[in-house]
PDB file of N, CA and C in Angstrom:
ATOM      1  N   MET A   1     160.810 158.838  71.680  1.00  0.00           N
ATOM      2  CA  MET A   1     159.897 159.291  70.649  1.00  0.00           C
ATOM      3  C   MET A   1     160.614 160.326  69.769  1.00  0.00           C
ATOM      4  N   ILE A   2     160.413 160.237  68.492  1.00  0.00           N
ATOM      5  CA  ILE A   2     161.084 161.118  67.535  1.00  0.00           C
ATOM      6  C   ILE A   2     160.704 162.576  67.742  1.00  0.00           C
ATOM      7  N   SER A   3     159.453 162.858  68.076  1.00  0.00           N
ATOM      8  CA  SER A   3     159.035 164.253  68.245  1.00  0.00           C
ATOM      9  C   SER A   3     159.783 164.943  69.377  1.00  0.00           C
ATOM     10  N   GLY A   4     160.360 164.195  70.293  1.00  0.00           N
ATOM     11  CA  GLY A   4     161.174 164.769  71.361  1.00  0.00           C
ATOM     12  C   GLY A   4     162.499 165.297  70.861  1.00  0.00           C
ATOM     13  N   MET A   5     162.877 164.891  69.638  1.00  0.00           N
ATOM     14  CA  MET A   5     164.135 165.346  69.040  1.00  0.00           C
ATOM     15  C   MET A   5     163.902 166.360  67.924  1.00  0.00           C
ATOM     16  N   THR A   6     162.808 166.186  67.188  1.00  0.00           N
ATOM     17  CA  THR A   6     162.574 167.029  66.014  1.00  0.00           C
ATOM     18  C   THR A   6     161.421 167.997  66.183  1.00  0.00           C
ATOM     19  N   GLY A   7     160.649 167.845  67.231  1.00  0.00           N
ATOM     20  CA  GLY A   7     159.467 168.677  67.410  1.00  0.00           C
ATOM     21  C   GLY A   7     158.294 168.112  66.635  1.00  0.00           C
ATOM     22  N   THR A   8     157.164 168.766  66.744  1.00  0.00           N
ATOM     23  CA  THR A   8     155.954 168.301  66.064  1.00  0.00           C
ATOM     24  C   THR A   8     155.621 169.145  64.847  1.00  0.00           C
ATOM     25  N   GLY A   9     156.387 170.205  64.630  1.00  0.00           N
ATOM     26  CA  GLY A   9     156.123 171.101  63.511  1.00  0.00           C
ATOM     27  C   GLY A   9     156.534 170.521  62.167  1.00  0.00           C
ATOM     28  N   THR A  10     156.124 171.195  61.124  1.00  0.00           N
ATOM     29  CA  THR A  10     156.435 170.802  59.756  1.00  0.00           C
ATOM     30  C   THR A  10     157.906 171.066  59.461  1.00  0.00           C
ATOM     31  N   PHE A  11     158.504 170.221  58.632  1.00  0.00           N
ATOM     32  CA  PHE A  11     159.886 170.420  58.214  1.00  0.00           C
ATOM     33  C   PHE A  11     159.909 171.429  57.074  1.00  0.00           C
ATOM     34  N   HIS A  12     160.710 172.467  57.222  1.00  0.00           N
ATOM     35  CA  HIS A  12     160.811 173.538  56.225  1.00  0.00           C
ATOM     36  C   HIS A  12     162.268 173.797  55.869  1.00  0.00           C
ATOM     37  N   THR A  13     162.458 174.674  54.897  1.00  0.00           N
ATOM     38  CA  THR A  13     163.804 175.068  54.509  1.00  0.00           C
ATOM     39  C   THR A  13     164.423 175.955  55.590  1.00  0.00           C
ATOM     40  N   TYR A  14     165.719 176.058  55.544  1.00  0.00           N
ATOM     41  CA  TYR A  14     166.477 176.881  56.488  1.00  0.00           C
ATOM     42  C   TYR A  14     165.972 178.325  56.480  1.00  0.00           C
ATOM     43  N   ASN A  15     165.802 178.903  55.292  1.00  0.00           N
ATOM     44  CA  ASN A  15     165.357 180.301  55.195  1.00  0.00           C
ATOM     45  C   ASN A  15     163.976 180.506  55.796  1.00  0.00           C
ATOM     46  N   TYR A  16     163.079 179.559  55.579  1.00  0.00           N
ATOM     47  CA  TYR A  16     161.736 179.668  56.142  1.00  0.00           C
ATOM     48  C   TYR A  16     161.792 179.655  57.675  1.00  0.00           C
ATOM     49  N   ILE A  17     162.569 178.725  58.220  1.00  0.00           N
ATOM     50  CA  ILE A  17     162.695 178.629  59.678  1.00  0.00           C
ATOM     51  C   ILE A  17     163.257 179.931  60.245  1.00  0.00           C
ATOM     52  N   MET A  18     164.300 180.442  59.617  1.00  0.00           N
ATOM     53  CA  MET A  18     164.913 181.689  60.093  1.00  0.00           C
ATOM     54  C   MET A  18     163.922 182.847  60.043  1.00  0.00           C
ATOM     55  N   ASN A  19     163.132 182.924  58.984  1.00  0.00           N
ATOM     56  CA  ASN A  19     162.128 183.991  58.875  1.00  0.00           C
ATOM     57  C   ASN A  19     161.056 183.855  59.948  1.00  0.00           C
ATOM     58  N   GLN A  20     160.637 182.631  60.241  1.00  0.00           N
ATOM     59  CA  GLN A  20     159.636 182.401  61.293  1.00  0.00           C
ATOM     60  C   GLN A  20     160.178 182.869  62.644  1.00  0.00           C
ATOM     61  N   ILE A  21     161.425 182.541  62.908  1.00  0.00           N
ATOM     62  CA  ILE A  21     162.042 182.959  64.174  1.00  0.00           C
ATOM     63  C   ILE A  21     162.151 184.481  64.218  1.00  0.00           C
ATOM     64  N   TYR A  22     162.653 185.074  63.154  1.00  0.00           N
ATOM     65  CA  TYR A  22     162.855 186.520  63.090  1.00  0.00           C
ATOM     66  C   TYR A  22     161.532 187.272  63.291  1.00  0.00           C
ATOM     67  N   ASP A  23     160.459 186.763  62.690  1.00  0.00           N
ATOM     68  CA  ASP A  23     159.153 187.424  62.768  1.00  0.00           C
ATOM     69  C   ASP A  23     158.385 187.119  64.059  1.00  0.00           C
ATOM     70  N   SER A  24     158.915 186.245  64.890  1.00  0.00           N
ATOM     71  CA  SER A  24     158.213 185.870  66.122  1.00  0.00           C
ATOM     72  C   SER A  24     158.296 186.995  67.160  1.00  0.00           C
ATOM     73  N   SER A  25     157.512 186.832  68.204  1.00  0.00           N
ATOM     74  CA  SER A  25     157.506 187.831  69.277  1.00  0.00           C
ATOM     75  C   SER A  25     158.433 187.440  70.427  1.00  0.00           C
ATOM     76  N   TYR A  26     159.277 186.446  70.223  1.00  0.00           N
ATOM     77  CA  TYR A  26     160.208 186.026  71.265  1.00  0.00           C
ATOM     78  C   TYR A  26     161.256 187.106  71.512  1.00  0.00           C
ATOM     79  N   THR A  27     161.866 187.051  72.692  1.00  0.00           N
ATOM     80  CA  THR A  27     162.923 188.019  73.011  1.00  0.00           C
ATOM     81  C   THR A  27     164.112 187.796  72.074  1.00  0.00           C
ATOM     82  N   GLN A  28     164.947 188.809  71.947  1.00  0.00           N
ATOM     83  CA  GLN A  28     166.093 188.703  71.037  1.00  0.00           C
ATOM     84  C   GLN A  28     167.032 187.580  71.462  1.00  0.00           C
ATOM     85  N   HIS A  29     167.208 187.399  72.756  1.00  0.00           N
ATOM     86  CA  HIS A  29     168.064 186.310  73.255  1.00  0.00           C
ATOM     87  C   HIS A  29     167.527 184.946  72.806  1.00  0.00           C
ATOM     88  N   THR A  30     166.215 184.760  72.931  1.00  0.00           N
ATOM     89  CA  THR A  30     165.581 183.504  72.532  1.00  0.00           C
ATOM     90  C   THR A  30     165.701 183.304  71.028  1.00  0.00           C
ATOM     91  N   LYS A  31     165.451 184.350  70.256  1.00  0.00           N
ATOM     92  CA  LYS A  31     165.581 184.264  68.803  1.00  0.00           C
ATOM     93  C   LYS A  31     167.007 183.882  68.410  1.00  0.00           C
ATOM     94  N   ASP A  32     167.983 184.502  69.046  1.00  0.00           N
ATOM     95  CA  ASP A  32     169.384 184.207  68.733  1.00  0.00           C
ATOM     96  C   ASP A  32     169.713 182.744  68.997  1.00  0.00           C
ATOM     97  N   LYS A  33     169.254 182.228  70.116  1.00  0.00           N
ATOM     98  CA  LYS A  33     169.530 180.829  70.461  1.00  0.00           C
ATOM     99  C   LYS A  33     168.811 179.887  69.497  1.00  0.00           C
ATOM    100  N   MET A  34     167.572 180.213  69.135  1.00  0.00           N
ATOM    101  CA  MET A  34     166.822 179.376  68.197  1.00  0.00           C
ATOM    102  C   MET A  34     167.482 179.387  66.818  1.00  0.00           C
ATOM    103  N   MET A  35     167.975 180.536  66.397  1.00  0.00           N
ATOM    104  CA  MET A  35     168.679 180.621  65.113  1.00  0.00           C
ATOM    105  C   MET A  35     169.977 179.817  65.159  1.00  0.00           C
ATOM    106  N   LEU A  36     170.647 179.860  66.291  1.00  0.00           N
ATOM    107  CA  LEU A  36     171.879 179.088  66.467  1.00  0.00           C
ATOM    108  C   LEU A  36     171.586 177.582  66.372  1.00  0.00           C
ATOM    109  N   ILE A  37     170.488 177.157  66.961  1.00  0.00           N
ATOM    110  CA  ILE A  37     170.086 175.751  66.909  1.00  0.00           C
ATOM    111  C   ILE A  37     169.800 175.335  65.468  1.00  0.00           C
ATOM    112  N   ALA A  38     168.980 176.107  64.756  1.00  0.00           N
ATOM    113  CA  ALA A  38     168.639 175.777  63.369  1.00  0.00           C
ATOM    114  C   ALA A  38     169.888 175.787  62.490  1.00  0.00           C
ATOM    115  N   ASP A  39     170.769 176.737  62.734  1.00  0.00           N
ATOM    116  CA  ASP A  39     172.017 176.817  61.966  1.00  0.00           C
ATOM    117  C   ASP A  39     172.881 175.579  62.219  1.00  0.00           C
ATOM    118  N   TYR A  40     172.992 175.194  63.478  1.00  0.00           N
ATOM    119  CA  TYR A  40     173.779 174.001  63.824  1.00  0.00           C
ATOM    120  C   TYR A  40     173.208 172.770  63.132  1.00  0.00           C
ATOM    121  N   LEU A  41     171.886 172.604  63.197  1.00  0.00           N
ATOM    122  CA  LEU A  41     171.248 171.432  62.610  1.00  0.00           C
ATOM    123  C   LEU A  41     171.320 171.437  61.085  1.00  0.00           C
ATOM    124  N   SER A  42     171.476 172.603  60.476  1.00  0.00           N
ATOM    125  CA  SER A  42     171.613 172.661  59.019  1.00  0.00           C
ATOM    126  C   SER A  42     173.020 172.283  58.569  1.00  0.00           C
ATOM    127  N   ARG A  43     173.985 172.364  59.466  1.00  0.00           N
ATOM    128  CA  ARG A  43     175.383 172.127  59.112  1.00  0.00           C
ATOM    129  C   ARG A  43     175.939 170.782  59.563  1.00  0.00           C
ATOM    130  N   HIS A  44     175.230 170.091  60.429  1.00  0.00           N
ATOM    131  CA  HIS A  44     175.741 168.833  60.973  1.00  0.00           C
ATOM    132  C   HIS A  44     174.771 167.689  60.694  1.00  0.00           C
ATOM    133  N   LYS A  45     175.296 166.579  60.241  1.00  0.00           N
ATOM    134  CA  LYS A  45     174.463 165.412  59.977  1.00  0.00           C
ATOM    135  C   LYS A  45     174.040 164.727  61.266  1.00  0.00           C
ATOM    136  N   SER A  46     174.863 164.847  62.272  1.00  0.00           N
ATOM    137  CA  SER A  46     174.563 164.232  63.564  1.00  0.00           C
ATOM    138  C   SER A  46     174.431 165.326  64.616  1.00  0.00           C
ATOM    139  N   CYS A  47     173.486 165.155  65.497  1.00  0.00           N
ATOM    140  CA  CYS A  47     173.341 166.135  66.579  1.00  0.00           C
ATOM    141  C   CYS A  47     173.796 165.514  67.896  1.00  0.00           C
ATOM    142  N   LYS A  48     174.685 164.550  67.790  1.00  0.00           N
ATOM    143  CA  LYS A  48     175.177 163.804  68.941  1.00  0.00           C
ATOM    144  C   LYS A  48     175.693 164.711  70.061  1.00  0.00           C
ATOM    145  N   ASN A  49     176.489 165.712  69.724  1.00  0.00           N
ATOM    146  CA  ASN A  49     177.088 166.594  70.723  1.00  0.00           C
ATOM    147  C   ASN A  49     176.474 167.990  70.737  1.00  0.00           C
ATOM    148  N   MET A  50     175.338 168.150  70.103  1.00  0.00           N
ATOM    149  CA  MET A  50     174.747 169.477  69.940  1.00  0.00           C
ATOM    150  C   MET A  50     174.495 170.182  71.276  1.00  0.00           C
ATOM    151  N   LEU A  51     173.905 169.500  72.229  1.00  0.00           N
ATOM    152  CA  LEU A  51     173.578 170.151  73.503  1.00  0.00           C
ATOM    153  C   LEU A  51     174.844 170.657  74.189  1.00  0.00           C
ATOM    154  N   ASP A  52     175.889 169.857  74.181  1.00  0.00           N
ATOM    155  CA  ASP A  52     177.147 170.284  74.793  1.00  0.00           C
ATOM    156  C   ASP A  52     177.766 171.459  74.040  1.00  0.00           C
ATOM    157  N   ARG A  53     177.800 171.366  72.733  1.00  0.00           N
ATOM    158  CA  ARG A  53     178.422 172.421  71.930  1.00  0.00           C
ATOM    159  C   ARG A  53     177.680 173.749  72.014  1.00  0.00           C
ATOM    160  N   LEU A  54     176.369 173.675  72.139  1.00  0.00           N
ATOM    161  CA  LEU A  54     175.574 174.902  72.243  1.00  0.00           C
ATOM    162  C   LEU A  54     175.295 175.286  73.692  1.00  0.00           C
ATOM    163  N   GLU A  55     175.890 174.532  74.611  1.00  0.00           N
ATOM    164  CA  GLU A  55     175.740 174.784  76.047  1.00  0.00           C
ATOM    165  C   GLU A  55     174.276 174.808  76.480  1.00  0.00           C
ATOM    166  N   LEU A  56     173.559 173.748  76.093  1.00  0.00           N
ATOM    167  CA  LEU A  56     172.146 173.604  76.437  1.00  0.00           C
ATOM    168  C   LEU A  56     171.963 172.389  77.327  1.00  0.00           C
ATOM    169  N   THR A  57     171.071 172.505  78.289  1.00  0.00           N
ATOM    170  CA  THR A  57     170.670 171.337  79.063  1.00  0.00           C
ATOM    171  C   THR A  57     169.507 170.682  78.332  1.00  0.00           C
ATOM    172  N   ARG A  58     169.153 169.502  78.759  1.00  0.00           N
ATOM    173  CA  ARG A  58     168.000 168.826  78.155  1.00  0.00           C
ATOM    174  C   ARG A  58     166.737 169.652  78.419  1.00  0.00           C
ATOM    175  N   GLN A  59     166.664 170.275  79.580  1.00  0.00           N
ATOM    176  CA  GLN A  59     165.520 171.135  79.915  1.00  0.00           C
ATOM    177  C   GLN A  59     165.474 172.348  78.986  1.00  0.00           C
ATOM    178  N   ASP A  60     166.634 172.958  78.715  1.00  0.00           N
ATOM    179  CA  ASP A  60     166.695 174.076  77.759  1.00  0.00           C
ATOM    180  C   ASP A  60     166.185 173.631  76.395  1.00  0.00           C
ATOM    181  N   TRP A  61     166.696 172.451  75.952  1.00  0.00           N
ATOM    182  CA  TRP A  61     166.312 171.935  74.632  1.00  0.00           C
ATOM    183  C   TRP A  61     164.802 171.749  74.551  1.00  0.00           C
ATOM    184  N   ASN A  62     164.208 171.161  75.582  1.00  0.00           N
ATOM    185  CA  ASN A  62     162.753 170.950  75.579  1.00  0.00           C
ATOM    186  C   ASN A  62     162.005 172.281  75.484  1.00  0.00           C
ATOM    187  N   GLY A  63     162.498 173.300  76.173  1.00  0.00           N
ATOM    188  CA  GLY A  63     161.869 174.623  76.109  1.00  0.00           C
ATOM    189  C   GLY A  63     161.947 175.228  74.710  1.00  0.00           C
ATOM    190  N   TYR A  64     163.116 175.133  74.092  1.00  0.00           N
ATOM    191  CA  TYR A  64     163.258 175.675  72.737  1.00  0.00           C
ATOM    192  C   TYR A  64     162.436 174.867  71.737  1.00  0.00           C
ATOM    193  N   LEU A  65     162.370 173.567  71.939  1.00  0.00           N
ATOM    194  CA  LEU A  65     161.572 172.729  71.041  1.00  0.00           C
ATOM    195  C   LEU A  65     160.100 173.124  71.104  1.00  0.00           C
ATOM    196  N   LYS A  66     159.602 173.454  72.296  1.00  0.00           N
ATOM    197  CA  LYS A  66     158.222 173.923  72.427  1.00  0.00           C
ATOM    198  C   LYS A  66     158.014 175.231  71.672  1.00  0.00           C
ATOM    199  N   LYS A  67     159.021 176.091  71.685  1.00  0.00           N
ATOM    200  CA  LYS A  67     158.924 177.361  70.951  1.00  0.00           C
ATOM    201  C   LYS A  67     158.893 177.113  69.443  1.00  0.00           C
ATOM    202  N   PHE A  68     159.717 176.176  68.968  1.00  0.00           N
ATOM    203  CA  PHE A  68     159.666 175.813  67.546  1.00  0.00           C
ATOM    204  C   PHE A  68     158.295 175.242  67.200  1.00  0.00           C
ATOM    205  N   ASN A  69     157.748 174.400  68.073  1.00  0.00           N
ATOM    206  CA  ASN A  69     156.422 173.828  67.836  1.00  0.00           C
ATOM    207  C   ASN A  69     155.365 174.921  67.712  1.00  0.00           C
ATOM    208  N   LYS A  70     155.452 175.954  68.556  1.00  0.00           N
ATOM    209  CA  LYS A  70     154.492 177.064  68.490  1.00  0.00           C
ATOM    210  C   LYS A  70     154.595 177.819  67.173  1.00  0.00           C
ATOM    211  N   LEU A  71     155.808 177.856  66.607  1.00  0.00           N
ATOM    212  CA  LEU A  71     155.993 178.495  65.304  1.00  0.00           C
ATOM    213  C   LEU A  71     155.518 177.593  64.168  1.00  0.00           C
ATOM    214  N   GLY A  72     155.263 176.330  64.482  1.00  0.00           N
ATOM    215  CA  GLY A  72     154.770 175.389  63.476  1.00  0.00           C
ATOM    216  C   GLY A  72     155.863 174.790  62.617  1.00  0.00           C
ATOM    217  N   CYS A  73     157.098 174.896  63.068  1.00  0.00           N
ATOM    218  CA  CYS A  73     158.189 174.335  62.269  1.00  0.00           C
ATOM    219  C   CYS A  73     159.165 173.572  63.148  1.00  0.00           C
ATOM    220  N   SER A  74     159.758 172.567  62.552  1.00  0.00           N
ATOM    221  CA  SER A  74     160.780 171.793  63.234  1.00  0.00           C
ATOM    222  C   SER A  74     162.082 172.578  63.187  1.00  0.00           C
ATOM    223  N   PRO A  75     162.957 172.419  64.176  1.00  0.00           N
ATOM    224  CA  PRO A  75     164.257 173.089  64.117  1.00  0.00           C
ATOM    225  C   PRO A  75     165.201 172.435  63.103  1.00  0.00           C
ATOM    226  N   VAL A  76     164.803 171.291  62.564  1.00  0.00           N
ATOM    227  CA  VAL A  76     165.632 170.561  61.606  1.00  0.00           C
ATOM    228  C   VAL A  76     165.254 171.005  60.191  1.00  0.00           C
ATOM    229  N   PRO A  77     166.133 171.773  59.528  1.00  0.00           N
ATOM    230  CA  PRO A  77     165.817 172.235  58.176  1.00  0.00           C
ATOM    231  C   PRO A  77     165.974 171.123  57.142  1.00  0.00           C
ATOM    232  N   ILE A  78     165.188 171.213  56.086  1.00  0.00           N
ATOM    233  CA  ILE A  78     165.355 170.255  54.995  1.00  0.00           C
ATOM    234  C   ILE A  78     166.405 170.807  54.029  1.00  0.00           C
ATOM    235  N   PRO A  79     167.156 169.934  53.400  1.00  0.00           N
ATOM    236  CA  PRO A  79     168.196 170.382  52.461  1.00  0.00           C
ATOM    237  C   PRO A  79     167.619 171.116  51.250  1.00  0.00           C
ATOM    238  N   ARG A  80     168.401 172.023  50.707  1.00  0.00           N
ATOM    239  CA  ARG A  80     167.981 172.788  49.522  1.00  0.00           C
ATOM    240  C   ARG A  80     167.728 171.896  48.326  1.00  0.00           C
ATOM    241  N   THR A  81     168.356 170.737  48.290  1.00  0.00           N
ATOM    242  CA  THR A  81     168.248 169.852  47.139  1.00  0.00           C
ATOM    243  C   THR A  81     166.963 169.035  47.121  1.00  0.00           C
ATOM    244  N   TYR A  82     166.181 169.091  48.191  1.00  0.00           N
ATOM    245  CA  TYR A  82     164.928 168.338  48.230  1.00  0.00           C
ATOM    246  C   TYR A  82     163.924 168.938  47.251  1.00  0.00           C
ATOM    247  N   GLU A  83     163.046 168.101  46.763  1.00  0.00           N
ATOM    248  CA  GLU A  83     162.083 168.517  45.737  1.00  0.00           C
ATOM    249  C   GLU A  83     161.090 169.561  46.240  1.00  0.00           C
ATOM    250  N   PHE A  84     160.612 169.399  47.455  1.00  0.00           N
ATOM    251  CA  PHE A  84     159.601 170.304  47.989  1.00  0.00           C
ATOM    252  C   PHE A  84     160.198 171.177  49.094  1.00  0.00           C
ATOM    253  N   SER A  85     159.558 172.300  49.367  1.00  0.00           N
ATOM    254  CA  SER A  85     160.092 173.233  50.365  1.00  0.00           C
ATOM    255  C   SER A  85     159.541 172.977  51.770  1.00  0.00           C
ATOM    256  N   CYS A  86     158.612 172.039  51.913  1.00  0.00           N
ATOM    257  CA  CYS A  86     158.162 171.638  53.242  1.00  0.00           C
ATOM    258  C   CYS A  86     157.658 170.200  53.193  1.00  0.00           C
ATOM    259  N   TYR A  87     157.786 169.546  54.330  1.00  0.00           N
ATOM    260  CA  TYR A  87     157.354 168.160  54.491  1.00  0.00           C
ATOM    261  C   TYR A  87     156.604 168.031  55.802  1.00  0.00           C
ATOM    262  N   PRO A  88     155.659 167.087  55.891  1.00  0.00           N
ATOM    263  CA  PRO A  88     154.877 166.936  57.120  1.00  0.00           C
ATOM    264  C   PRO A  88     155.758 166.649  58.330  1.00  0.00           C
ATOM    265  N   GLY A  89     155.362 167.194  59.458  1.00  0.00           N
ATOM    266  CA  GLY A  89     156.072 166.942  60.700  1.00  0.00           C
ATOM    267  C   GLY A  89     155.732 165.572  61.254  1.00  0.00           C
ATOM    268  N   VAL A  90     156.442 165.177  62.263  1.00  0.00           N
ATOM    269  CA  VAL A  90     156.277 163.855  62.871  1.00  0.00           C
ATOM    270  C   VAL A  90     154.845 163.634  63.343  1.00  0.00           C
ATOM    271  N   SER A  91     154.223 164.661  63.877  1.00  0.00           N
ATOM    272  CA  SER A  91     152.854 164.504  64.388  1.00  0.00           C
ATOM    273  C   SER A  91     151.833 164.273  63.270  1.00  0.00           C
ATOM    274  N   ASP A  92     152.211 164.565  62.027  1.00  0.00           N
ATOM    275  CA  ASP A  92     151.319 164.368  60.886  1.00  0.00           C
ATOM    276  C   ASP A  92     151.473 162.990  60.250  1.00  0.00           C
ATOM    277  N   TRP A  93     152.488 162.245  60.667  1.00  0.00           N
ATOM    278  CA  TRP A  93     152.709 160.930  60.078  1.00  0.00           C
ATOM    279  C   TRP A  93     151.605 159.979  60.524  1.00  0.00           C
ATOM    280  N   CYS A  94     151.080 159.245  59.610  1.00  0.00           N
ATOM    281  CA  CYS A  94     150.039 158.263  59.910  1.00  0.00           C
ATOM    282  C   CYS A  94     150.662 156.879  59.819  1.00  0.00           C
ATOM    283  N   ILE A  95     150.775 156.238  60.947  1.00  0.00           N
ATOM    284  CA  ILE A  95     151.367 154.893  60.979  1.00  0.00           C
ATOM    285  C   ILE A  95     150.229 153.879  61.022  1.00  0.00           C
ATOM    286  N   MET A  96     150.234 152.995  60.068  1.00  0.00           N
ATOM    287  CA  MET A  96     149.161 152.003  59.971  1.00  0.00           C
ATOM    288  C   MET A  96     149.602 150.689  60.511  1.00  0.00           C
TER     289      MET A  96
END
């Protein structure tokens, strides 16, 4: 399922995601790791080796993804060149 990779939150710009993380009540360690994840996803087209490169287990990833979901944003930032600054998350997609 796609939401297992991108979360259920809305897709936002990199700056918005970083501000949401910074303003959250998570511990500094958690914020740092979440910022590292968003930064990685903003710089790489493929996340094929992301867990290994960031030294995360699948269980770690699921935990951080839940934290992103609570913030209401996906860890995957939208490019600056996109027309709008936010797009509906996977859970908002209506498949007919």
